[in-house]
Amino acid sequence: MRKRITPALPKKQVRAGLSRLAVRQVAGLGKHRGRLHAGPLAIACALGASGIRIGKREGDHATPAGRYRILEARFRADRLSRPRGHLKFRVLRQTDGWCDDPLAAAYNRAVQLPVDAGHETMWRADGLYDLVFVLDYNVLPRRKGFGSAIFLHCARENFGPTEGCVALARADLRRLLPMLSAKTHIIIG
């Protein structure tokens, strides 16, 4: 049950970028199914298996409620051409990782692999991080155990649950690109 992005946004909004996006759970589809609202558009998305939650903790499979900015954007150059839009994109490398070990000094930060601490590999065979946006969840201040690696990224084909991220169909995420900027806030909850 995927809702397509229609109608198109006015060109003025696309040129300037959207100031905010809203993510909400969809009743009756399970805690992990939601909608991302971008102006007049409503886009199906996957959420954490535990749904949206205030007071997120590491490993609870919840998507954290709150207001977040996009800190950085990355893409797989071997699978996608350089995205266009208002954001600066970094090329994802095979050695890119993200520390999810609350006991590590690099907790909830990008790391270069290999590392001894618990981590997530950003270079994935399943394509979920072919296009990935790092959100500013638990960054300033960074609190150990309050959750890490909260991204906006590509969804599985069946919109299966994430570990706590917001995931959209790759085509929908690519169509949103011209509307995203460093000033865009993603409001979850």
N, C-alpha and C. Protein backbone atom coordinates (compact mmCIF):
# COMPACT_ATOMS: atom_id res chain seq x y z
N MET A 1 0.84 -1.18 0.00
CA MET A 1 0.00 0.00 0.00
C MET A 1 0.89 1.24 0.00
N ARG A 2 1.52 1.51 -1.12
CA ARG A 2 2.42 2.63 -1.23
C ARG A 2 1.74 3.78 -1.93
N LYS A 3 1.76 4.94 -1.33
CA LYS A 3 1.15 6.11 -1.93
C LYS A 3 2.22 6.86 -2.71
N ARG A 4 1.95 7.13 -3.94
CA ARG A 4 2.87 7.84 -4.81
C ARG A 4 2.94 9.32 -4.46
N ILE A 5 4.06 9.93 -4.82
CA ILE A 5 4.22 11.37 -4.61
C ILE A 5 3.44 12.09 -5.70
N THR A 6 2.30 12.64 -5.36
CA THR A 6 1.50 13.45 -6.27
C THR A 6 0.66 14.39 -5.43
N PRO A 7 0.34 15.51 -5.84
CA PRO A 7 0.83 16.20 -7.03
C PRO A 7 2.23 16.76 -6.80
N ALA A 8 2.82 17.31 -7.83
CA ALA A 8 4.15 17.90 -7.71
C ALA A 8 4.06 19.21 -6.92
N LEU A 9 5.16 19.52 -6.24
CA LEU A 9 5.21 20.80 -5.51
C LEU A 9 5.39 21.96 -6.48
N PRO A 10 4.92 23.14 -6.10
CA PRO A 10 5.18 24.32 -6.93
C PRO A 10 6.69 24.53 -7.09
N LYS A 11 7.11 24.98 -8.28
CA LYS A 11 8.54 25.15 -8.56
C LYS A 11 9.23 26.07 -7.57
N LYS A 12 8.52 27.07 -7.04
CA LYS A 12 9.10 27.99 -6.07
C LYS A 12 9.54 27.23 -4.81
N GLN A 13 8.70 26.29 -4.33
CA GLN A 13 9.06 25.50 -3.15
C GLN A 13 10.24 24.58 -3.43
N VAL A 14 10.30 24.01 -4.62
CA VAL A 14 11.40 23.13 -4.97
C VAL A 14 12.69 23.92 -5.03
N ARG A 15 12.65 25.12 -5.64
CA ARG A 15 13.87 25.94 -5.74
C ARG A 15 14.40 26.33 -4.37
N ALA A 16 13.53 26.69 -3.46
CA ALA A 16 13.96 27.15 -2.15
C ALA A 16 14.19 26.02 -1.17
N GLY A 17 13.61 24.86 -1.41
CA GLY A 17 13.68 23.76 -0.46
C GLY A 17 12.56 23.91 0.57
N LEU A 18 12.15 22.81 1.13
CA LEU A 18 11.10 22.84 2.15
C LEU A 18 11.70 23.13 3.51
N SER A 19 11.00 23.89 4.34
CA SER A 19 11.51 24.19 5.67
C SER A 19 11.23 23.05 6.64
N ARG A 20 10.18 22.24 6.36
CA ARG A 20 9.90 21.14 7.26
C ARG A 20 9.19 19.99 6.57
N LEU A 21 9.44 18.81 7.09
CA LEU A 21 8.76 17.58 6.71
C LEU A 21 8.18 17.02 7.99
N ALA A 22 7.06 16.33 7.90
CA ALA A 22 6.45 15.73 9.10
C ALA A 22 6.30 14.24 8.88
N VAL A 23 6.66 13.46 9.89
CA VAL A 23 6.55 12.00 9.84
C VAL A 23 5.58 11.57 10.93
N ARG A 24 4.60 10.77 10.55
CA ARG A 24 3.58 10.28 11.49
C ARG A 24 3.37 8.79 11.28
N GLN A 25 3.01 8.07 12.33
CA GLN A 25 2.60 6.67 12.22
C GLN A 25 1.25 6.62 11.54
N VAL A 26 0.97 5.52 10.84
CA VAL A 26 -0.32 5.32 10.20
C VAL A 26 -1.07 4.25 10.98
N ALA A 27 -2.18 4.62 11.56
CA ALA A 27 -2.98 3.68 12.36
C ALA A 27 -3.47 2.53 11.50
N GLY A 28 -3.46 1.34 12.07
CA GLY A 28 -3.99 0.17 11.40
C GLY A 28 -3.00 -0.56 10.51
N LEU A 29 -1.81 -0.02 10.30
CA LEU A 29 -0.82 -0.68 9.44
C LEU A 29 0.36 -1.24 10.23
N GLY A 30 0.31 -1.15 11.54
CA GLY A 30 1.43 -1.59 12.37
C GLY A 30 2.27 -0.40 12.79
N LYS A 31 2.97 -0.56 13.90
CA LYS A 31 3.76 0.54 14.45
C LYS A 31 4.85 1.02 13.51
N HIS A 32 5.33 0.14 12.65
CA HIS A 32 6.47 0.49 11.80
C HIS A 32 6.08 1.13 10.47
N ARG A 33 4.82 1.42 10.24
CA ARG A 33 4.40 2.04 8.99
C ARG A 33 3.98 3.48 9.24
N GLY A 34 4.42 4.37 8.36
CA GLY A 34 4.11 5.77 8.54
C GLY A 34 3.94 6.50 7.24
N ARG A 35 3.78 7.81 7.36
CA ARG A 35 3.69 8.72 6.22
C ARG A 35 4.60 9.90 6.49
N LEU A 36 5.32 10.29 5.46
CA LEU A 36 6.10 11.51 5.50
C LEU A 36 5.33 12.54 4.70
N HIS A 37 5.07 13.68 5.30
CA HIS A 37 4.33 14.76 4.66
C HIS A 37 5.30 15.86 4.27
N ALA A 38 5.34 16.17 2.98
CA ALA A 38 6.21 17.21 2.44
C ALA A 38 5.32 18.19 1.69
N GLY A 39 4.94 19.28 2.35
CA GLY A 39 3.97 20.19 1.75
C GLY A 39 2.68 19.42 1.51
N PRO A 40 2.14 19.45 0.30
CA PRO A 40 0.89 18.74 0.03
C PRO A 40 1.08 17.25 -0.26
N LEU A 41 2.31 16.78 -0.26
CA LEU A 41 2.60 15.39 -0.60
C LEU A 41 2.57 14.49 0.62
N ALA A 42 2.08 13.26 0.44
CA ALA A 42 2.10 12.25 1.50
C ALA A 42 2.79 11.02 0.93
N ILE A 43 3.87 10.58 1.58
CA ILE A 43 4.71 9.52 1.07
C ILE A 43 4.79 8.40 2.10
N ALA A 44 4.58 7.16 1.68
CA ALA A 44 4.67 6.02 2.58
C ALA A 44 6.12 5.89 3.08
N CYS A 45 6.26 5.52 4.37
CA CYS A 45 7.59 5.31 4.92
C CYS A 45 7.57 4.18 5.94
N ALA A 46 8.75 3.63 6.18
CA ALA A 46 8.93 2.62 7.22
C ALA A 46 9.58 3.29 8.42
N LEU A 47 9.20 2.83 9.60
CA LEU A 47 9.74 3.34 10.86
C LEU A 47 10.33 2.17 11.64
N GLY A 48 10.84 2.45 12.83
CA GLY A 48 11.35 1.39 13.69
C GLY A 48 10.24 0.42 14.08
N ALA A 49 10.60 -0.83 14.37
CA ALA A 49 9.63 -1.87 14.71
C ALA A 49 8.77 -1.49 15.92
N SER A 50 9.28 -0.66 16.82
CA SER A 50 8.53 -0.23 18.01
C SER A 50 7.75 1.05 17.78
N GLY A 51 7.77 1.58 16.56
CA GLY A 51 7.05 2.81 16.26
C GLY A 51 7.81 4.04 16.71
N ILE A 52 7.09 5.15 16.80
CA ILE A 52 7.68 6.43 17.22
C ILE A 52 7.59 6.52 18.74
N ARG A 53 8.69 6.93 19.37
CA ARG A 53 8.73 6.96 20.83
C ARG A 53 9.51 8.15 21.35
N ILE A 54 9.00 8.75 22.41
CA ILE A 54 9.75 9.75 23.17
C ILE A 54 10.62 8.95 24.14
N GLY A 55 11.83 9.37 24.36
CA GLY A 55 12.71 8.66 25.30
C GLY A 55 13.37 7.45 24.68
N LYS A 56 13.81 7.56 23.45
CA LYS A 56 14.48 6.46 22.75
C LYS A 56 15.72 6.01 23.51
N ARG A 57 15.98 4.70 23.45
CA ARG A 57 17.19 4.10 24.03
C ARG A 57 17.84 3.21 22.97
N GLU A 58 19.14 3.03 23.09
CA GLU A 58 19.87 2.17 22.16
C GLU A 58 19.26 0.77 22.14
N GLY A 59 18.97 0.27 20.94
CA GLY A 59 18.48 -1.09 20.78
C GLY A 59 17.00 -1.29 21.00
N ASP A 60 16.21 -0.21 21.23
CA ASP A 60 14.77 -0.39 21.48
C ASP A 60 13.94 -0.47 20.20
N HIS A 61 14.57 -0.33 19.03
CA HIS A 61 13.91 -0.42 17.72
C HIS A 61 12.84 0.65 17.54
N ALA A 62 12.99 1.78 18.19
CA ALA A 62 12.02 2.88 18.09
C ALA A 62 12.61 4.01 17.26
N THR A 63 11.73 4.72 16.57
CA THR A 63 12.10 5.93 15.87
C THR A 63 11.88 7.08 16.84
N PRO A 64 12.91 7.90 17.09
CA PRO A 64 12.77 8.95 18.11
C PRO A 64 11.87 10.10 17.69
N ALA A 65 10.93 10.46 18.56
CA ALA A 65 10.08 11.62 18.33
C ALA A 65 10.93 12.88 18.51
N GLY A 66 10.66 13.90 17.73
CA GLY A 66 11.37 15.16 17.87
C GLY A 66 11.51 15.89 16.56
N ARG A 67 12.32 16.93 16.59
CA ARG A 67 12.57 17.80 15.43
C ARG A 67 14.05 17.71 15.10
N TYR A 68 14.36 17.32 13.87
CA TYR A 68 15.75 17.06 13.49
C TYR A 68 16.11 17.73 12.17
N ARG A 69 17.39 18.08 12.07
CA ARG A 69 17.94 18.62 10.82
C ARG A 69 18.77 17.53 10.14
N ILE A 70 19.06 17.76 8.88
CA ILE A 70 19.93 16.86 8.13
C ILE A 70 21.35 17.38 8.31
N LEU A 71 22.22 16.56 8.92
CA LEU A 71 23.61 16.97 9.15
C LEU A 71 24.49 16.72 7.94
N GLU A 72 24.26 15.60 7.26
CA GLU A 72 25.05 15.28 6.08
C GLU A 72 24.29 14.32 5.19
N ALA A 73 24.71 14.25 3.95
CA ALA A 73 24.10 13.36 2.96
C ALA A 73 25.21 12.57 2.28
N ARG A 74 24.96 11.29 2.06
CA ARG A 74 25.94 10.42 1.41
C ARG A 74 25.24 9.58 0.35
N PHE A 75 26.01 9.12 -0.63
CA PHE A 75 25.46 8.25 -1.66
C PHE A 75 26.51 7.28 -2.17
N ARG A 76 26.05 6.17 -2.73
CA ARG A 76 26.92 5.16 -3.33
C ARG A 76 27.16 5.52 -4.78
N ALA A 77 28.34 5.99 -5.11
CA ALA A 77 28.67 6.42 -6.47
C ALA A 77 28.72 5.26 -7.45
N ASP A 78 28.90 4.04 -6.95
CA ASP A 78 28.91 2.88 -7.85
C ASP A 78 27.49 2.45 -8.24
N ARG A 79 26.48 3.00 -7.56
CA ARG A 79 25.09 2.64 -7.84
C ARG A 79 24.23 3.81 -8.30
N LEU A 80 24.61 5.03 -7.94
CA LEU A 80 23.82 6.21 -8.27
C LEU A 80 24.71 7.31 -8.82
N SER A 81 24.15 8.14 -9.68
CA SER A 81 24.89 9.33 -10.10
C SER A 81 24.80 10.35 -8.96
N ARG A 82 25.71 11.32 -8.97
CA ARG A 82 25.71 12.32 -7.89
C ARG A 82 24.36 13.02 -7.84
N PRO A 83 23.70 12.96 -6.67
CA PRO A 83 22.39 13.61 -6.54
C PRO A 83 22.51 15.12 -6.67
N ARG A 84 21.45 15.73 -7.19
CA ARG A 84 21.40 17.19 -7.31
C ARG A 84 20.43 17.72 -6.27
N GLY A 85 20.65 18.94 -5.88
CA GLY A 85 19.76 19.57 -4.92
C GLY A 85 20.50 20.61 -4.10
N HIS A 86 19.93 20.94 -2.95
CA HIS A 86 20.48 21.98 -2.08
C HIS A 86 21.52 21.45 -1.11
N LEU A 87 21.64 20.14 -0.99
CA LEU A 87 22.58 19.54 -0.03
C LEU A 87 23.89 19.16 -0.72
N LYS A 88 24.97 19.18 0.06
CA LYS A 88 26.25 18.69 -0.43
C LYS A 88 26.33 17.20 -0.11
N PHE A 89 26.66 16.39 -1.08
CA PHE A 89 26.72 14.94 -0.90
C PHE A 89 28.15 14.45 -0.86
N ARG A 90 28.41 13.56 0.08
CA ARG A 90 29.70 12.87 0.15
C ARG A 90 29.54 11.49 -0.46
N VAL A 91 30.57 11.02 -1.10
CA VAL A 91 30.56 9.67 -1.66
C VAL A 91 30.79 8.69 -0.52
N LEU A 92 29.93 7.69 -0.42
CA LEU A 92 30.05 6.64 0.59
C LEU A 92 31.19 5.71 0.18
N ARG A 93 32.02 5.33 1.15
CA ARG A 93 33.16 4.43 0.88
C ARG A 93 32.98 3.11 1.60
N GLN A 94 33.66 2.10 1.15
CA GLN A 94 33.56 0.77 1.74
C GLN A 94 34.03 0.74 3.19
N THR A 95 34.84 1.68 3.57
CA THR A 95 35.37 1.73 4.94
C THR A 95 34.53 2.59 5.88
N ASP A 96 33.40 3.13 5.41
CA ASP A 96 32.56 3.97 6.25
C ASP A 96 31.71 3.12 7.20
N GLY A 97 31.68 3.55 8.44
CA GLY A 97 30.85 2.88 9.44
C GLY A 97 30.25 3.92 10.38
N TRP A 98 29.40 3.45 11.30
CA TRP A 98 28.78 4.34 12.29
C TRP A 98 28.81 3.61 13.62
N CYS A 99 29.42 4.20 14.64
CA CYS A 99 29.57 3.56 15.94
C CYS A 99 28.24 3.55 16.70
N ASP A 100 27.81 2.35 17.11
CA ASP A 100 26.57 2.21 17.89
C ASP A 100 26.83 1.58 19.26
N ASP A 101 28.08 1.64 19.70
CA ASP A 101 28.49 1.06 20.98
C ASP A 101 28.49 2.16 22.05
N PRO A 102 27.51 2.13 22.98
CA PRO A 102 27.42 3.19 24.00
C PRO A 102 28.66 3.32 24.88
N LEU A 103 29.50 2.30 24.93
CA LEU A 103 30.70 2.36 25.76
C LEU A 103 31.91 2.94 25.02
N ALA A 104 31.77 3.16 23.72
CA ALA A 104 32.89 3.65 22.92
C ALA A 104 32.95 5.18 22.90
N ALA A 105 34.16 5.71 22.79
CA ALA A 105 34.34 7.16 22.71
C ALA A 105 33.70 7.73 21.44
N ALA A 106 33.60 6.94 20.38
CA ALA A 106 33.05 7.40 19.10
C ALA A 106 31.54 7.14 18.98
N TYR A 107 30.87 6.88 20.10
CA TYR A 107 29.43 6.56 20.07
C TYR A 107 28.64 7.59 19.27
N ASN A 108 27.77 7.09 18.40
CA ASN A 108 26.92 7.89 17.53
C ASN A 108 27.71 8.87 16.66
N ARG A 109 28.82 8.38 16.13
CA ARG A 109 29.65 9.16 15.21
C ARG A 109 30.09 8.27 14.05
N ALA A 110 30.42 8.93 12.96
CA ALA A 110 30.99 8.21 11.82
C ALA A 110 32.36 7.68 12.21
N VAL A 111 32.67 6.48 11.75
CA VAL A 111 33.98 5.86 12.01
C VAL A 111 34.49 5.25 10.71
N GLN A 112 35.80 5.04 10.67
CA GLN A 112 36.42 4.35 9.55
C GLN A 112 36.72 2.92 9.97
N LEU A 113 36.27 1.98 9.17
CA LEU A 113 36.45 0.55 9.46
C LEU A 113 37.84 0.11 9.03
N PRO A 114 38.41 -0.83 9.72
CA PRO A 114 37.85 -1.60 10.85
C PRO A 114 37.99 -0.84 12.17
N VAL A 115 37.06 -1.12 13.10
CA VAL A 115 37.11 -0.59 14.46
C VAL A 115 36.76 -1.73 15.41
N ASP A 116 37.24 -1.62 16.65
CA ASP A 116 36.94 -2.65 17.65
C ASP A 116 35.57 -2.47 18.27
N ALA A 117 35.08 -1.25 18.32
CA ALA A 117 33.78 -0.97 18.95
C ALA A 117 32.63 -1.47 18.07
N GLY A 118 31.48 -1.70 18.70
CA GLY A 118 30.29 -2.07 17.94
C GLY A 118 29.95 -0.99 16.93
N HIS A 119 29.57 -1.39 15.74
CA HIS A 119 29.33 -0.41 14.68
C HIS A 119 28.38 -0.97 13.63
N GLU A 120 27.91 -0.07 12.82
CA GLU A 120 27.09 -0.41 11.67
C GLU A 120 27.94 -0.13 10.43
N THR A 121 27.91 -1.03 9.47
CA THR A 121 28.61 -0.83 8.21
C THR A 121 27.72 -0.03 7.28
N MET A 122 28.23 1.07 6.76
CA MET A 122 27.43 1.94 5.90
C MET A 122 27.37 1.43 4.45
N TRP A 123 28.39 0.70 4.03
CA TRP A 123 28.44 0.14 2.68
C TRP A 123 27.69 -1.19 2.72
N ARG A 124 26.44 -1.19 2.29
CA ARG A 124 25.56 -2.34 2.44
C ARG A 124 25.23 -2.99 1.11
N ALA A 125 25.15 -4.31 1.11
CA ALA A 125 24.77 -5.05 -0.10
C ALA A 125 23.30 -4.86 -0.44
N ASP A 126 22.45 -4.62 0.59
CA ASP A 126 21.00 -4.54 0.36
C ASP A 126 20.53 -3.19 -0.18
N GLY A 127 21.41 -2.22 -0.32
CA GLY A 127 21.06 -0.94 -0.94
C GLY A 127 20.34 0.05 -0.04
N LEU A 128 20.13 -0.27 1.23
CA LEU A 128 19.39 0.63 2.11
C LEU A 128 20.09 1.98 2.29
N TYR A 129 21.42 1.98 2.24
CA TYR A 129 22.17 3.23 2.42
C TYR A 129 22.76 3.74 1.11
N ASP A 130 22.22 3.34 -0.01
CA ASP A 130 22.70 3.88 -1.28
C ASP A 130 22.52 5.40 -1.32
N LEU A 131 21.49 5.87 -0.63
CA LEU A 131 21.22 7.29 -0.47
C LEU A 131 20.82 7.44 1.00
N VAL A 132 21.65 8.13 1.79
CA VAL A 132 21.41 8.19 3.24
C VAL A 132 21.67 9.60 3.76
N PHE A 133 20.79 10.04 4.65
CA PHE A 133 20.88 11.36 5.27
C PHE A 133 21.01 11.18 6.77
N VAL A 134 22.06 11.72 7.37
CA VAL A 134 22.30 11.63 8.80
C VAL A 134 21.49 12.73 9.49
N LEU A 135 20.64 12.34 10.44
CA LEU A 135 19.85 13.31 11.20
C LEU A 135 20.57 13.67 12.48
N ASP A 136 20.28 14.84 13.03
CA ASP A 136 21.01 15.33 14.21
C ASP A 136 20.43 14.82 15.52
N TYR A 137 19.94 13.59 15.53
CA TYR A 137 19.44 12.98 16.76
C TYR A 137 20.61 12.61 17.67
N ASN A 138 20.50 12.94 18.96
CA ASN A 138 21.49 12.60 19.99
C ASN A 138 22.91 13.04 19.60
N VAL A 139 23.02 14.26 19.14
CA VAL A 139 24.32 14.78 18.72
C VAL A 139 24.85 15.81 19.70
N LEU A 140 24.08 16.82 20.02
CA LEU A 140 24.51 17.86 20.97
C LEU A 140 23.45 18.03 22.06
N PRO A 141 23.64 17.55 23.25
CA PRO A 141 24.78 16.72 23.67
C PRO A 141 24.57 15.27 23.24
N ARG A 142 25.66 14.57 23.10
CA ARG A 142 25.65 13.15 22.75
C ARG A 142 25.57 12.37 24.07
N ARG A 143 24.45 11.66 24.26
CA ARG A 143 24.24 10.93 25.52
C ARG A 143 24.37 9.43 25.28
N LYS A 144 25.26 8.82 26.00
CA LYS A 144 25.53 7.39 25.85
C LYS A 144 24.26 6.59 26.13
N GLY A 145 23.92 5.68 25.22
CA GLY A 145 22.78 4.79 25.42
C GLY A 145 21.43 5.34 24.97
N PHE A 146 21.41 6.59 24.47
CA PHE A 146 20.13 7.19 24.06
C PHE A 146 19.80 6.97 22.59
N GLY A 147 20.59 6.17 21.91
CA GLY A 147 20.31 5.84 20.52
C GLY A 147 21.30 6.45 19.56
N SER A 148 21.55 5.72 18.48
CA SER A 148 22.55 6.15 17.51
C SER A 148 22.10 5.79 16.10
N ALA A 149 22.81 6.35 15.14
CA ALA A 149 22.61 6.01 13.72
C ALA A 149 21.17 6.20 13.28
N ILE A 150 20.61 7.37 13.54
CA ILE A 150 19.25 7.68 13.09
C ILE A 150 19.35 8.42 11.76
N PHE A 151 18.89 7.76 10.72
CA PHE A 151 19.03 8.26 9.36
C PHE A 151 17.68 8.32 8.64
N LEU A 152 17.68 9.04 7.54
CA LEU A 152 16.64 8.97 6.53
C LEU A 152 17.30 8.22 5.39
N HIS A 153 16.74 7.08 4.98
CA HIS A 153 17.40 6.25 3.97
C HIS A 153 16.39 5.48 3.13
N CYS A 154 16.89 4.65 2.23
CA CYS A 154 16.04 3.84 1.33
C CYS A 154 15.38 2.71 2.11
N ALA A 155 14.13 2.41 1.76
CA ALA A 155 13.35 1.37 2.43
C ALA A 155 13.53 0.02 1.73
N ARG A 156 13.25 -1.03 2.48
CA ARG A 156 13.16 -2.36 1.88
C ARG A 156 11.92 -2.37 0.98
N GLU A 157 11.88 -3.28 0.01
CA GLU A 157 10.75 -3.34 -0.92
C GLU A 157 9.42 -3.53 -0.21
N ASN A 158 9.41 -4.29 0.88
CA ASN A 158 8.16 -4.57 1.60
C ASN A 158 7.89 -3.56 2.72
N PHE A 159 8.70 -2.50 2.80
CA PHE A 159 8.59 -1.50 3.86
C PHE A 159 8.67 -2.15 5.24
N GLY A 160 9.55 -3.15 5.36
CA GLY A 160 9.79 -3.77 6.65
C GLY A 160 10.35 -2.75 7.63
N PRO A 161 10.26 -3.05 8.93
CA PRO A 161 10.70 -2.08 9.94
C PRO A 161 12.20 -1.80 9.88
N THR A 162 12.55 -0.60 10.33
CA THR A 162 13.95 -0.20 10.45
C THR A 162 14.38 -0.44 11.90
N GLU A 163 15.62 -0.12 12.20
CA GLU A 163 16.10 -0.20 13.59
C GLU A 163 15.73 1.05 14.37
N GLY A 164 15.17 2.06 13.69
CA GLY A 164 14.80 3.32 14.32
C GLY A 164 14.84 4.50 13.36
N CYS A 165 15.27 4.23 12.13
CA CYS A 165 15.35 5.27 11.10
C CYS A 165 14.00 5.49 10.43
N VAL A 166 13.97 6.46 9.53
CA VAL A 166 12.82 6.68 8.65
C VAL A 166 13.30 6.28 7.26
N ALA A 167 12.55 5.39 6.59
CA ALA A 167 12.96 4.88 5.29
C ALA A 167 11.86 5.05 4.26
N LEU A 168 12.24 5.53 3.08
CA LEU A 168 11.32 5.75 1.97
C LEU A 168 11.75 4.91 0.77
N ALA A 169 10.82 4.62 -0.11
CA ALA A 169 11.16 3.96 -1.37
C ALA A 169 12.23 4.81 -2.07
N ARG A 170 13.19 4.15 -2.69
CA ARG A 170 14.30 4.86 -3.32
C ARG A 170 13.79 5.93 -4.30
N ALA A 171 12.80 5.60 -5.12
CA ALA A 171 12.27 6.56 -6.10
C ALA A 171 11.68 7.78 -5.40
N ASP A 172 10.96 7.57 -4.30
CA ASP A 172 10.39 8.69 -3.56
C ASP A 172 11.47 9.54 -2.91
N LEU A 173 12.49 8.90 -2.38
CA LEU A 173 13.59 9.63 -1.75
C LEU A 173 14.32 10.48 -2.79
N ARG A 174 14.54 9.93 -3.97
CA ARG A 174 15.21 10.69 -5.03
C ARG A 174 14.35 11.87 -5.49
N ARG A 175 13.04 11.69 -5.52
CA ARG A 175 12.15 12.79 -5.93
C ARG A 175 12.10 13.89 -4.86
N LEU A 176 12.36 13.53 -3.61
CA LEU A 176 12.39 14.53 -2.54
C LEU A 176 13.67 15.37 -2.54
N LEU A 177 14.73 14.86 -3.14
CA LEU A 177 16.04 15.51 -3.09
C LEU A 177 16.02 17.01 -3.38
N PRO A 178 15.37 17.46 -4.44
CA PRO A 178 15.40 18.90 -4.72
C PRO A 178 14.71 19.74 -3.65
N MET A 179 13.92 19.10 -2.80
CA MET A 179 13.17 19.83 -1.77
C MET A 179 13.91 19.89 -0.44
N LEU A 180 15.00 19.14 -0.29
CA LEU A 180 15.73 19.08 0.97
C LEU A 180 16.89 20.05 0.98
N SER A 181 17.11 20.65 2.15
CA SER A 181 18.24 21.56 2.32
C SER A 181 18.72 21.45 3.77
N ALA A 182 19.81 22.14 4.07
CA ALA A 182 20.33 22.16 5.43
C ALA A 182 19.36 22.86 6.38
N LYS A 183 18.40 23.61 5.85
CA LYS A 183 17.41 24.32 6.66
C LYS A 183 16.15 23.48 6.89
N THR A 184 16.05 22.33 6.22
CA THR A 184 14.86 21.48 6.37
C THR A 184 14.86 20.81 7.74
N HIS A 185 13.74 20.88 8.43
CA HIS A 185 13.56 20.17 9.69
C HIS A 185 12.62 18.99 9.45
N ILE A 186 12.96 17.84 10.01
CA ILE A 186 12.12 16.66 9.94
C ILE A 186 11.48 16.49 11.32
N ILE A 187 10.18 16.62 11.37
CA ILE A 187 9.45 16.55 12.64
C ILE A 187 8.82 15.17 12.72
N ILE A 188 9.25 14.37 13.69
CA ILE A 188 8.77 13.00 13.86
C ILE A 188 7.87 12.94 15.07
N GLY A 189 6.65 12.44 14.89
CA GLY A 189 5.76 12.25 16.03
C GLY A 189 4.42 12.88 15.88
